[in-house]
Protein backbone atom coordinates (compact mmCIF):
# COMPACT_ATOMS: atom_id res chain seq x y z
CA MET A 1 269.70 91.67 149.83
CA ARG A 2 270.15 95.45 149.30
CA LYS A 3 272.24 97.69 151.04
CA PRO A 4 270.67 100.05 153.25
CA LEU A 5 271.00 103.86 151.21
CA MET A 6 272.85 105.69 153.36
CA SER A 7 275.81 102.64 153.55
CA PHE A 8 275.74 102.82 149.99
CA PHE A 9 276.70 106.24 149.34
CA LYS A 10 279.35 105.86 151.85
CA ASN A 11 281.09 102.97 150.60
CA LEU A 12 280.36 104.61 146.53
CA PHE A 13 282.27 108.17 147.81
CA GLY A 14 283.93 107.10 151.04
CA ARG A 15 282.74 110.58 152.20
CA SER A 16 281.80 109.47 156.08
CA LYS A 17 283.34 112.03 158.36
CA LEU A 18 285.31 110.85 161.58
CA ASP A 19 285.16 112.13 165.04
CA GLY A 20 288.25 112.80 166.16
CA ASP A 21 287.37 113.02 170.05
CA THR A 22 285.07 109.69 169.64
CA LEU A 23 288.31 107.85 168.06
CA ALA A 24 290.58 109.02 170.39
CA ARG A 25 288.34 107.80 173.45
CA SER A 26 287.85 104.70 172.08
CA ALA A 27 287.90 100.98 172.89
CA GLU A 28 288.78 99.94 169.51
CA LEU A 29 291.63 99.46 168.51
CA SER A 30 291.14 100.15 164.59
CA ASP A 31 289.38 103.41 166.16
CA TYR A 32 292.53 104.85 168.15
CA ALA A 33 294.78 103.37 165.76
CA GLN A 34 294.00 106.06 163.48
CA ILE A 35 294.85 108.88 165.92
CA GLU A 36 297.61 107.65 166.93
CA LEU A 37 299.07 107.90 163.13
CA LEU A 38 297.81 111.42 163.10
CA GLY A 39 299.83 112.00 166.24
CA HIS A 40 303.01 110.88 163.61
CA PHE A 41 302.61 113.99 161.97
CA ALA A 42 302.73 116.67 164.98
CA THR A 43 306.22 117.42 163.61
CA PRO A 44 305.84 117.33 159.77
CA ARG A 45 307.13 114.61 157.73
CA LYS A 46 306.39 112.77 154.86
CA LEU A 47 304.28 109.16 154.71
CA HIS A 48 305.59 106.44 156.05
CA ASP A 49 307.56 104.33 154.12
CA SER A 50 306.34 101.88 152.21
CA ARG A 51 307.16 98.84 154.92
CA GLU A 52 305.19 100.70 157.82
CA GLN A 53 302.28 101.72 155.49
CA HIS A 54 301.84 97.44 155.30
CA GLN A 55 302.10 97.37 159.36
CA TRP A 56 299.59 100.58 159.54
CA GLU A 57 297.12 97.87 157.64
CA GLN A 58 297.06 95.58 160.14
CA ILE A 59 295.39 97.89 162.15
CA LEU A 60 294.01 100.64 160.26
CA PRO A 61 289.91 100.23 159.27
CA ARG A 62 290.89 100.87 155.55
CA PRO A 63 293.97 101.51 153.35
CA TYR A 64 296.66 103.73 154.71
CA VAL A 65 296.40 105.60 151.50
CA GLU A 66 292.97 106.23 152.05
CA ILE A 67 293.14 107.35 155.63
CA ILE A 68 295.67 109.96 155.15
CA ASP A 69 293.50 111.37 152.01
CA LEU A 70 290.33 111.42 154.67
CA PHE A 71 292.33 112.89 157.05
CA THR A 72 293.40 115.73 154.42
CA ARG A 73 290.02 116.12 153.20
CA GLN A 74 288.54 116.42 156.61
CA GLU A 75 291.58 119.28 157.57
CA TRP A 76 293.12 116.97 159.97
CA LEU A 77 296.38 117.34 158.26
CA SER A 78 297.61 119.72 155.00
CA PHE A 79 300.09 118.93 153.15
CA SER A 80 302.86 121.53 151.96
CA GLY A 81 306.68 121.47 151.08
CA ASN A 82 306.12 117.87 150.11
CA VAL A 83 305.33 116.82 153.62
CA TYR A 84 302.39 116.67 155.73
CA ARG A 85 301.82 118.19 158.89
CA LEU A 86 298.92 117.86 161.92
CA THR A 87 296.44 120.50 161.76
CA ASP A 88 295.47 123.21 164.72
CA THR A 89 291.79 121.63 164.04
CA ALA A 90 293.07 117.85 164.83
CA LYS A 91 295.42 118.82 167.93
CA PRO A 92 292.78 119.24 170.64
CA PHE A 93 291.59 115.45 169.72
CA VAL A 94 295.34 114.29 169.72
CA ALA A 95 296.01 115.89 172.58
CA VAL A 96 293.04 113.66 174.57
CA TYR A 97 294.73 110.89 172.92
CA GLN A 98 298.00 111.40 173.81
CA ALA A 99 296.82 112.33 177.48
CA ARG A 100 294.86 109.12 177.59
CA GLN A 101 298.68 107.21 176.51
CA GLU A 102 300.69 108.68 179.69
CA ARG A 103 297.66 107.43 182.02
CA GLU A 104 297.41 103.83 180.96
CA LYS A 105 301.44 104.13 180.83
CA ALA A 106 301.75 105.10 184.86
CA GLU A 107 298.98 102.46 185.33
CA ALA A 108 301.11 99.74 183.91
CA ILE A 109 304.41 100.81 185.37
CA ALA A 110 302.45 100.62 188.62
CA ALA A 111 300.76 97.79 188.02
CA VAL A 112 304.43 96.48 187.16
CA HIS A 113 305.88 97.80 190.12
CA LYS A 114 303.51 96.56 192.49
CA ALA A 115 304.16 93.08 191.28
CA LEU A 116 307.60 93.04 191.61
CA ILE A 117 307.03 94.54 195.25
CA GLU A 118 305.43 90.75 195.58
CA LYS A 119 308.09 89.12 193.87
CA ASP A 120 305.82 88.16 191.43
CA THR A 121 307.96 88.51 187.72
CA SER A 122 305.63 86.56 185.69
CA LYS A 123 302.56 89.01 186.92
CA ALA A 124 304.72 91.83 185.89
CA LEU A 125 305.84 90.45 182.39
CA SER A 126 302.11 89.50 181.61
CA VAL A 127 301.27 93.12 182.84
CA ARG A 128 303.85 94.56 180.36
CA ARG A 129 302.73 92.34 177.32
CA ALA A 130 298.94 93.16 178.06
CA TYR A 131 300.20 96.84 177.88
CA GLU A 132 302.46 96.46 174.70
CA ASP A 133 299.45 94.81 172.81
CA ARG A 134 297.01 97.58 173.20
CA GLN A 135 299.65 99.40 171.32
CA PRO A 136 298.44 100.45 167.71
CA LEU A 137 301.54 98.80 166.84
CA GLY A 138 302.36 96.34 169.31
CA THR A 139 304.78 97.72 170.75
CA ALA A 140 305.29 101.31 172.66
CA ASP A 141 308.04 103.84 171.56
CA TRP A 142 309.64 103.99 175.08
CA THR A 143 309.67 100.58 176.20
CA GLY A 144 312.59 97.85 174.63
CA PRO A 145 312.78 95.07 172.43
CA ASP A 146 309.70 91.85 172.31
CA PRO A 147 310.85 90.17 175.65
CA GLN A 148 311.96 86.23 175.30
CA MET A 149 309.97 83.59 177.53
CA SER A 150 312.63 84.02 179.79
CA HIS A 151 312.36 87.72 180.72
CA SER A 152 310.38 87.24 183.94
CA SER A 153 312.75 84.97 185.23
CA LEU A 154 315.86 86.83 184.93
CA THR A 155 314.24 90.32 186.42
CA ARG A 156 313.48 87.67 188.98
CA ARG A 157 317.31 86.84 189.49
CA ILE A 158 318.11 90.87 190.17
CA LEU A 159 315.89 90.77 193.28
CA PHE A 160 317.34 87.84 194.63
CA LEU A 161 320.88 88.68 193.66
CA ASP A 162 323.69 87.76 196.08
CA HIS A 163 327.17 89.33 194.26
CA TRP A 164 330.03 91.78 195.18
CA LEU A 165 327.95 94.44 192.73
CA VAL A 166 325.84 94.79 195.95
CA GLU A 167 328.38 94.17 198.53
CA GLY A 168 328.43 96.74 201.56
CA LEU A 169 324.93 98.17 201.10
CA SER A 170 322.34 98.28 203.91
CA ALA A 171 319.11 96.38 203.50
CA GLU A 172 316.83 99.17 203.03
CA THR A 173 319.50 100.50 199.98
CA LEU A 174 320.05 96.87 198.74
CA GLU A 175 316.55 96.49 198.65
CA TRP A 176 315.30 99.85 197.01
CA LEU A 177 318.05 99.22 193.99
CA LYS A 178 316.88 95.72 193.41
CA LEU A 179 313.43 97.18 192.59
CA TYR A 180 314.76 100.28 190.51
CA ALA A 181 316.95 97.70 188.20
CA ALA A 182 314.33 94.59 187.63
CA ASN A 183 311.29 97.61 187.04
CA GLN A 184 313.93 98.84 184.41
CA HIS A 185 314.88 95.23 183.34
CA LEU A 186 311.50 93.98 183.07
CA TRP A 187 310.29 97.02 180.34
CA GLY A 188 313.67 96.52 179.07
CA ALA A 189 314.08 100.46 179.36
CA HIS A 190 316.29 102.60 181.14
CA TRP A 191 314.62 105.87 183.20
CA ARG A 192 316.93 108.25 185.61
CA LEU A 193 314.46 109.15 188.45
CA THR A 194 314.08 112.75 190.00
CA ALA A 195 315.96 113.03 193.28
CA ASP A 196 312.47 113.60 195.01
CA GLU A 197 311.72 109.82 193.93
CA ILE A 198 314.71 108.12 195.44
CA PRO A 199 314.30 108.04 199.56
CA ALA A 200 316.72 110.19 201.74
CA SER A 201 318.77 107.43 203.25
CA VAL A 202 319.43 105.80 199.32
CA ARG A 203 320.77 108.90 198.20
CA ALA A 204 322.84 109.54 200.86
CA GLU A 205 324.61 106.36 200.83
CA LEU A 206 324.73 106.10 196.73
CA ALA A 207 326.16 109.61 195.92
CA THR A 208 329.82 109.61 195.14
CA ASP A 209 332.37 112.64 194.76
CA LYS A 210 331.81 111.83 190.88
CA LEU A 211 328.40 111.01 190.74
CA ASP A 212 324.85 112.70 192.43
CA ALA A 213 322.29 110.26 193.71
CA VAL A 214 320.53 110.48 190.51
CA GLU A 215 323.23 109.04 188.23
CA ALA A 216 324.82 107.16 191.09
CA ALA A 217 321.57 105.22 191.32
CA TYR A 218 320.61 104.74 187.74
CA TRP A 219 324.32 103.44 187.07
CA ARG A 220 324.47 100.89 189.62
CA ALA A 221 320.64 99.49 188.92
CA TYR A 222 322.09 99.17 185.06
CA SER A 223 325.19 97.47 186.79
CA LEU A 224 322.45 94.68 188.03
CA GLY A 225 320.62 94.49 185.01
CA LEU A 226 323.44 94.07 182.83
CA TYR A 227 325.38 91.34 185.00
CA VAL A 228 322.21 88.66 184.95
CA ASP A 229 322.03 89.46 181.54
CA ASN A 230 325.62 88.89 180.51
CA GLN A 231 325.35 85.96 182.35
CA GLU A 232 322.45 84.38 180.78
CA THR A 233 324.13 85.40 177.35
CA TRP A 234 327.23 83.18 178.96
CA GLN A 235 325.07 80.27 179.98
CA ARG A 236 323.82 79.71 176.94
CA CYS A 237 326.73 80.62 174.56
CA LYS A 238 328.07 77.53 177.01
CA GLY A 239 325.62 75.10 176.50
CA GLY A 240 324.94 75.99 172.77
CA ASP A 241 326.51 74.44 169.66
CA HIS A 242 326.82 77.37 167.04
CA VAL A 243 328.96 79.56 170.17
CA ARG A 244 332.70 78.87 170.31
CA ARG A 245 333.81 82.61 171.11
CA ILE A 246 332.46 85.07 173.06
CA GLU A 247 333.42 89.22 172.22
CA ILE A 248 333.67 91.69 174.71
CA GLY A 249 332.01 94.55 173.45
CA GLY A 250 331.07 98.03 175.13
CA PRO A 251 330.93 101.93 174.90
CA ASN A 252 334.71 103.08 174.54
CA ASP A 253 334.08 106.92 175.66
CA ALA A 254 335.40 109.65 178.45
CA GLU A 255 334.09 107.27 180.84
CA THR A 256 335.63 103.63 179.89
CA CYS A 257 338.79 102.93 181.97
CA MET A 258 341.89 101.09 180.50
CA PRO A 259 341.08 97.64 182.16
CA CYS A 260 337.70 97.75 180.25
CA LYS A 261 339.45 99.15 177.19
CA VAL A 262 341.94 96.20 177.19
CA HIS A 263 339.34 93.68 176.84
CA LEU A 264 336.85 95.63 174.34
CA GLY A 265 336.49 93.96 170.69
CA GLN A 266 338.45 91.27 171.69
CA GLU A 267 337.34 87.93 170.77
CA TYR A 268 337.64 85.08 173.42
CA LEU A 269 337.07 80.93 173.98
CA VAL A 270 333.55 80.54 175.77
CA ASN A 271 335.34 78.82 178.75
CA ARG A 272 338.25 81.34 179.00
CA VAL A 273 336.05 84.83 178.31
CA PRO A 274 336.73 86.83 181.41
CA GLU A 275 334.21 87.49 183.90
CA LEU A 276 331.85 90.53 184.03
CA PRO A 277 331.65 92.67 185.07
CA HIS A 278 335.24 93.28 185.53
CA LYS A 279 336.24 94.20 189.16
CA ASN A 280 338.99 95.86 188.86
CA CYS A 281 336.69 98.88 186.41
CA LYS A 282 337.79 102.28 187.57
CA SER A 283 334.67 103.94 185.75
CA PRO A 284 332.35 106.18 187.90
CA TYR A 285 329.76 104.15 186.38
CA GLY A 286 330.86 100.72 186.76
CA CYS A 287 331.75 98.59 183.95
CA ARG A 288 329.48 98.49 181.00
CA CYS A 289 331.12 95.67 179.48
CA GLU A 290 328.78 92.88 177.34
CA TYR A 291 329.45 89.67 175.73
CA LEU A 292 328.64 89.45 172.16
CA PRO A 293 328.29 85.59 170.98
CA VAL A 294 330.32 85.70 167.87
CA VAL A 295 328.45 83.10 165.82
CA GLU A 296 330.10 80.57 163.62
CA ASN A 297 329.36 80.15 160.31
CA TYR A 298 328.39 76.11 158.59
CA ALA A 299 331.87 75.72 157.30
CA ASP A 300 333.56 75.95 160.88
CA ILE A 301 331.28 74.16 162.84
CA ALA A 302 331.72 71.29 160.00
CA GLU A 303 335.25 71.66 160.89
């Protein structure tokens, strides 16, 4: 059967004109992925490398270079000085798409927060996965790496944590802090809240002479997530066959205390590694040390 004449000429000359606003609002991944790609040139840049082009071609409706050529012919991109840049013609529908992305991000964060209030970490992780699945490249630029199957159970440990890290806190502050930490752990990302997003009573309780309420809340929440991750790492190393030693890693900056510096970079047998966090840590941020498994090579394992 012969193709319709219009379709034939579209395929022959590749001159089909794109509607940027429609693509930006579309529910089809292959549609809005084109606007996502276009937005990468808001800051002038060269084309993506071959590996990245291959990733894009898994979702674009035609080869990467053809899409770029089409964008250029429609005056959505301009080329000069060896780089491509977004044109004024394309900026309005890129803005429409970015506003849509911000709305979806806010909705996903709110849905995860609600699930964590209900202590349903499995549902929270499902919300995260569904949100990231809608992203053109399968991940958002603000979230952490692809979570492991155990991720939701680790987040759940934060919500029920009973440890000296949270000793002395009021019930209200403890509940708020655990929820803040669980949100960040579930997303695999860390962000600071504004002072207005922290209850006044929590601000008053967490602020110190060295850290304001925003910084104090951030680092206390960071410590809770780091603790459950360190414990999981230690448990996996203890029960594995390919790890005999653990290295203590972490930042070595102006706020790293001497008790932490003593252990940084040192390797210990799994069963003799110092407990983290270091209870005698003096950093205003809290102990930021982490367990790093030292994977044995096959020759070492054979011996």
